[in-house]
């Protein structure tokens, strides 16, 4: 009987060996969000505010800080969801350091921005709780993201080129307990932008759920249709631009689920439809505020 011989190990190239030993935390996916819908939610209200409020250095500064805030949020949410695994620690800590470098000098020069801190602390806590519970796609977790993004035009308005003296004063002075939101805090055009985006993005959350996670759920479908009918009616009552945006969103919210009843609609087509609708609504809402 011949003795069994051990299999000869295949040579491993230095490149493959290096790949196997590379720490997982260096993966690009740990550092970059691949959710295009989330980026749209984050950036559209901010970009509209840049156009409507008049671009300035301070306004661009806020926009960059806000983008960095999102990087902190999505990476920290991933860290919370993993129960603080070491692999996911580096991105949020790095982004937090970058945010401090960008944001602290702005707060020193414009301390009035701190009046919005309580709101964003609550919304951030809600987002992290959703991640910890692994319910980051729940309605209340999505609502935290929508409200945080929709409020940005109000945060940015005092630093725009079209800001009144009262707005500028509010943006550059510490908030007072007796006058936390002074005159001009909820002025136009930022108020229109914030309300319009809260309505639009809230509808987007419902629509996407009716097409993917809650497909076939009649309660979600009814809620989506009622929401979109309401924003269409209110939109036409306020501005033709907002009415057109509401009509476009209503058409998408009704049409695609009806198509999905007779034939399967892949998720990528839902994403493409939402991307086109969001881009058109971005233009219409911005035009309504200018």
Protein backbone atom coordinates (compact mmCIF):
# COMPACT_ATOMS: atom_id res chain seq x y z
CA UNK A 1 0.00 0.00 0.00
CA UNK A 2 1.47 3.28 -1.08
CA UNK A 3 1.70 5.99 1.59
CA UNK A 4 -0.50 9.04 1.06
CA UNK A 5 1.40 12.13 0.08
CA UNK A 6 0.52 15.60 1.24
CA UNK A 7 -0.76 17.93 -1.52
CA UNK A 8 1.79 20.41 -2.72
CA UNK A 9 0.73 23.93 -1.71
CA UNK A 10 0.26 26.33 -4.59
CA UNK A 11 2.57 29.31 -4.56
CA UNK A 12 0.90 32.51 -3.54
CA UNK A 13 1.86 35.72 -5.23
CA UNK A 14 3.00 38.60 -3.01
CA UNK A 15 0.06 40.67 -4.27
CA UNK A 16 -2.53 38.06 -3.25
CA UNK A 17 -0.82 37.55 0.10
CA UNK A 18 -0.90 41.27 0.74
CA UNK A 19 -4.58 41.35 -0.19
CA UNK A 20 -5.39 38.60 2.29
CA UNK A 21 -3.56 40.30 5.12
CA UNK A 22 -4.87 43.78 4.42
CA UNK A 23 -7.01 44.92 7.37
CA UNK A 24 -10.72 44.99 6.56
CA UNK A 25 -11.17 48.50 7.84
CA UNK A 26 -9.29 49.79 4.80
CA UNK A 27 -12.20 48.80 2.55
CA UNK A 28 -13.57 51.71 0.55
CA UNK A 29 -17.09 50.70 1.51
CA UNK A 30 -16.30 51.48 5.14
CA UNK A 31 -15.52 55.08 4.22
CA UNK A 32 -17.99 55.97 1.47
CA UNK A 33 -21.77 55.77 1.45
CA UNK A 34 -23.08 53.95 -1.62
CA UNK A 35 -26.69 54.98 -1.03
CA UNK A 36 -27.41 57.52 -3.76
CA UNK A 37 -30.86 58.20 -2.33
CA UNK A 38 -29.33 59.23 0.98
CA UNK A 39 -26.91 61.60 -0.75
CA UNK A 40 -29.86 63.15 -2.60
CA UNK A 41 -31.75 63.67 0.65
CA UNK A 42 -28.70 65.28 2.22
CA UNK A 43 -27.62 67.56 -0.62
CA UNK A 44 -30.75 68.77 -2.44
CA UNK A 45 -32.09 71.17 0.24
CA UNK A 46 -28.58 72.52 0.82
CA UNK A 47 -27.93 73.14 -2.88
CA UNK A 48 -31.32 74.83 -3.27
CA UNK A 49 -30.47 77.10 -0.34
CA UNK A 50 -27.17 78.03 -1.99
CA UNK A 51 -29.04 79.24 -5.07
CA UNK A 52 -32.01 80.85 -3.31
CA UNK A 53 -30.18 82.57 -0.44
CA UNK A 54 -27.28 83.85 -2.53
CA UNK A 55 -23.90 82.08 -2.40
CA UNK A 56 -21.28 83.50 -0.05
CA UNK A 57 -18.13 82.12 1.52
CA UNK A 58 -19.98 81.51 4.79
CA UNK A 59 -22.83 79.75 3.01
CA UNK A 60 -20.44 77.45 1.14
CA UNK A 61 -18.67 76.83 4.44
CA UNK A 62 -21.93 75.63 5.99
CA UNK A 63 -22.60 73.40 2.98
CA UNK A 64 -19.20 71.71 3.28
CA UNK A 65 -19.67 71.24 7.03
CA UNK A 66 -23.09 69.70 6.40
CA UNK A 67 -21.65 67.21 3.90
CA UNK A 68 -19.05 66.30 6.53
CA UNK A 69 -21.87 65.87 9.07
CA UNK A 70 -23.44 63.28 6.81
CA UNK A 71 -20.13 61.43 6.54
CA UNK A 72 -20.00 61.32 10.35
CA UNK A 73 -23.62 60.15 10.53
CA UNK A 74 -23.53 57.27 8.06
CA UNK A 75 -20.17 55.95 9.30
CA UNK A 76 -21.19 56.28 12.96
CA UNK A 77 -24.50 54.54 12.23
CA UNK A 78 -22.58 51.64 10.72
CA UNK A 79 -20.36 51.54 13.81
CA UNK A 80 -23.40 51.55 16.13
CA UNK A 81 -25.08 48.82 14.08
CA UNK A 82 -21.98 46.62 14.36
CA UNK A 83 -21.99 47.05 18.16
CA UNK A 84 -18.77 49.10 17.99
CA UNK A 85 -16.61 46.64 16.10
CA UNK A 86 -13.05 47.89 15.64
CA UNK A 87 -13.30 47.64 11.86
CA UNK A 88 -15.87 50.44 11.75
CA UNK A 89 -14.27 52.78 14.30
CA UNK A 90 -11.75 54.59 12.11
CA UNK A 91 -14.14 56.25 9.61
CA UNK A 92 -16.46 58.02 12.11
CA UNK A 93 -13.56 59.15 14.29
CA UNK A 94 -11.68 60.49 11.27
CA UNK A 95 -14.74 62.26 9.89
CA UNK A 96 -15.47 63.65 13.35
CA UNK A 97 -11.99 65.16 13.46
CA UNK A 98 -12.51 66.70 10.02
CA UNK A 99 -15.88 68.09 11.10
CA UNK A 100 -14.31 69.66 14.18
CA UNK A 101 -11.62 71.28 12.04
CA UNK A 102 -14.25 72.67 9.67
CA UNK A 103 -17.04 73.44 12.11
CA UNK A 104 -15.40 74.86 15.24
CA UNK A 105 -13.96 77.95 13.48
CA UNK A 106 -17.37 78.59 11.92
CA UNK A 107 -19.10 78.38 15.30
CA UNK A 108 -16.55 80.80 16.78
CA UNK A 109 -17.27 83.33 14.03
CA UNK A 110 -21.02 82.66 13.79
CA UNK A 111 -22.25 81.40 17.19
CA UNK A 112 -25.89 81.93 16.24
CA UNK A 113 -25.82 78.60 14.43
CA UNK A 114 -25.91 76.94 17.87
CA UNK A 115 -29.63 77.69 18.16
CA UNK A 116 -30.16 74.66 15.93
CA UNK A 117 -27.99 72.37 18.06
CA UNK A 118 -30.83 70.95 20.23
CA UNK A 119 -32.82 69.92 17.16
CA UNK A 120 -29.88 68.17 15.54
CA UNK A 121 -28.85 66.47 18.79
CA UNK A 122 -32.32 64.91 19.03
CA UNK A 123 -32.35 63.89 15.35
CA UNK A 124 -28.85 62.42 15.59
CA UNK A 125 -29.82 60.46 18.69
CA UNK A 126 -32.84 59.09 16.82
CA UNK A 127 -30.67 58.07 13.90
CA UNK A 128 -28.12 56.32 16.11
CA UNK A 129 -30.90 54.56 18.03
CA UNK A 130 -32.30 53.27 14.75
CA UNK A 131 -28.86 51.96 13.78
CA UNK A 132 -28.31 50.34 17.19
CA UNK A 133 -31.70 48.61 16.97
CA UNK A 134 -30.98 47.74 13.32
CA UNK A 135 -34.11 49.57 12.28
CA UNK A 136 -32.41 52.29 10.29
CA UNK A 137 -34.99 51.86 7.51
CA UNK A 138 -37.98 52.37 9.82
CA UNK A 139 -40.31 55.31 9.26
CA UNK A 140 -39.13 57.15 12.37
CA UNK A 141 -35.45 56.72 11.48
CA UNK A 142 -36.15 57.94 7.95
CA UNK A 143 -38.07 60.89 9.43
CA UNK A 144 -34.97 61.91 11.41
CA UNK A 145 -32.95 62.06 8.19
CA UNK A 146 -35.67 63.96 6.31
CA UNK A 147 -36.15 66.56 9.05
CA UNK A 148 -32.41 67.10 9.50
CA UNK A 149 -31.89 67.73 5.81
CA UNK A 150 -35.06 69.79 5.31
CA UNK A 151 -34.13 72.19 8.11
CA UNK A 152 -30.83 73.11 6.47
CA UNK A 153 -32.19 76.05 4.41
CA UNK A 154 -33.32 77.68 7.68
CA UNK A 155 -29.88 77.06 9.18
CA UNK A 156 -28.13 78.53 6.14
CA UNK A 157 -30.27 81.58 5.39
CA UNK A 158 -28.57 84.07 7.79
CA UNK A 159 -25.28 83.54 5.96
CA UNK A 160 -26.56 84.10 2.42
CA UNK A 161 -26.05 87.17 0.26
CA UNK A 162 -29.77 88.02 0.44
CA UNK A 163 -30.01 87.92 4.24
CA UNK A 164 -31.45 90.96 5.99
CA UNK A 165 -29.62 92.70 8.81
CA UNK A 166 -31.88 90.99 11.38
CA UNK A 167 -31.05 87.58 9.90
CA UNK A 168 -27.32 88.32 9.90
CA UNK A 169 -27.49 89.51 13.50
CA UNK A 170 -29.30 86.33 14.53
CA UNK A 171 -26.69 84.22 12.78
CA UNK A 172 -23.75 85.96 14.43
CA UNK A 173 -24.95 86.19 18.06
CA UNK A 174 -25.46 83.50 20.66
CA UNK A 175 -29.10 82.45 21.11
CA UNK A 176 -30.88 83.81 24.16
CA UNK A 177 -33.17 81.70 26.32
CA UNK A 178 -35.79 84.46 26.14
CA UNK A 179 -35.48 84.88 22.37
CA UNK A 180 -34.21 81.59 20.98
CA UNK A 181 -35.65 82.11 17.50
CA UNK A 182 -35.55 85.86 16.77
CA UNK A 183 -37.37 87.62 13.94
CA UNK A 184 -36.31 86.40 10.54
CA UNK A 185 -35.45 82.87 11.62
CA UNK A 186 -38.38 81.39 9.70
CA UNK A 187 -38.44 83.88 6.84
CA UNK A 188 -38.65 83.35 3.10
CA UNK A 189 -37.25 81.84 0.94
CA UNK A 190 -35.78 79.34 3.41
CA UNK A 191 -39.17 78.52 4.92
CA UNK A 192 -40.57 77.56 1.51
CA UNK A 193 -37.55 75.37 0.80
CA UNK A 194 -37.70 73.61 4.16
CA UNK A 195 -41.42 72.87 4.00
CA UNK A 196 -41.30 71.83 0.35
CA UNK A 197 -38.42 69.44 0.90
CA UNK A 198 -39.95 67.98 4.06
CA UNK A 199 -43.09 67.19 2.04
CA UNK A 200 -41.21 65.91 -1.00
CA UNK A 201 -38.68 63.76 0.86
CA UNK A 202 -41.35 62.40 3.19
CA UNK A 203 -43.32 61.33 0.14
CA UNK A 204 -40.20 59.79 -1.34
CA UNK A 205 -39.76 57.62 1.75
CA UNK A 206 -43.34 56.34 1.47
CA UNK A 207 -43.11 55.76 -2.28
CA UNK A 208 -39.88 53.76 -2.11
CA UNK A 209 -41.31 51.61 0.67
CA UNK A 210 -44.41 50.81 -1.43
CA UNK A 211 -42.12 49.63 -4.22
CA UNK A 212 -39.51 47.64 -2.26
CA UNK A 213 -39.76 46.87 1.46
CA UNK A 214 -43.54 47.23 1.77
CA UNK A 215 -44.55 46.11 -1.71
CA UNK A 216 -48.14 44.92 -1.65
CA UNK A 217 -48.89 46.60 1.69
CA UNK A 218 -52.17 48.43 1.10
CA UNK A 219 -51.82 50.62 4.19
CA UNK A 220 -48.49 52.01 2.99
CA UNK A 221 -49.87 52.48 -0.52
CA UNK A 222 -52.90 54.39 0.78
CA UNK A 223 -50.69 56.56 3.00
CA UNK A 224 -48.41 57.31 0.05
CA UNK A 225 -51.29 58.29 -2.23
CA UNK A 226 -52.96 60.47 0.42
CA UNK A 227 -49.64 62.19 1.19
CA UNK A 228 -48.95 62.94 -2.46
CA UNK A 229 -52.48 64.17 -3.18
CA UNK A 230 -52.15 66.56 -0.23
CA UNK A 231 -48.77 67.98 -1.29
CA UNK A 232 -50.01 68.37 -4.86
CA UNK A 233 -53.07 70.35 -3.72
CA UNK A 234 -51.10 72.52 -1.29
CA UNK A 235 -48.37 73.02 -3.88
CA UNK A 236 -50.75 74.47 -6.46
CA UNK A 237 -52.26 76.70 -3.76
CA UNK A 238 -48.83 78.17 -2.99
CA UNK A 239 -47.00 78.29 -6.32
CA UNK A 240 -47.29 76.86 -9.85
CA UNK A 241 -43.72 75.57 -9.49
CA UNK A 242 -44.56 73.66 -6.32
CA UNK A 243 -47.82 72.46 -7.85
CA UNK A 244 -45.93 71.06 -10.83
CA UNK A 245 -43.52 69.30 -8.49
CA UNK A 246 -46.42 67.85 -6.50
CA UNK A 247 -48.17 66.66 -9.67
CA UNK A 248 -44.99 64.97 -10.89
CA UNK A 249 -44.52 63.19 -7.57
CA UNK A 250 -48.19 62.16 -7.47
CA UNK A 251 -47.97 60.70 -10.98
CA UNK A 252 -44.93 58.66 -9.98
CA UNK A 253 -46.48 57.55 -6.67
CA UNK A 254 -49.63 56.25 -8.38
CA UNK A 255 -48.28 55.03 -11.70
CA UNK A 256 -45.38 52.82 -10.71
CA UNK A 257 -47.20 50.81 -8.00
CA UNK A 258 -50.03 50.16 -10.48
CA UNK A 259 -47.52 48.91 -13.04
CA UNK A 260 -45.95 46.72 -10.34
CA UNK A 261 -49.29 44.97 -9.86
CA UNK A 262 -49.22 43.49 -13.36
CA UNK A 263 -45.49 43.08 -13.90
CA UNK A 264 -42.41 43.00 -11.73
CA UNK A 265 -40.54 46.30 -11.47
CA UNK A 266 -36.88 45.73 -10.50
CA UNK A 267 -35.52 47.87 -7.70
CA UNK A 268 -33.04 49.56 -10.04
CA UNK A 269 -35.90 50.93 -12.16
CA UNK A 270 -37.55 52.28 -9.03
CA UNK A 271 -34.25 53.97 -8.20
CA UNK A 272 -33.91 55.44 -11.69
CA UNK A 273 -37.47 56.76 -11.59
CA UNK A 274 -36.89 58.32 -8.19
CA UNK A 275 -33.60 59.87 -9.34
CA UNK A 276 -35.26 61.53 -12.35
CA UNK A 277 -38.25 62.72 -10.31
CA UNK A 278 -36.01 64.10 -7.55
CA UNK A 279 -33.83 65.98 -10.04
CA UNK A 280 -36.85 67.60 -11.69
CA UNK A 281 -38.35 68.49 -8.31
CA UNK A 282 -35.03 69.98 -7.21
CA UNK A 283 -35.23 72.38 -10.17
CA UNK A 284 -38.92 73.18 -9.59
CA UNK A 285 -38.58 73.77 -5.85
CA UNK A 286 -35.51 75.94 -6.34
CA UNK A 287 -37.36 78.02 -8.95
CA UNK A 288 -40.27 78.44 -6.54
CA UNK A 289 -37.93 79.90 -3.90
CA UNK A 290 -35.90 82.22 -6.11
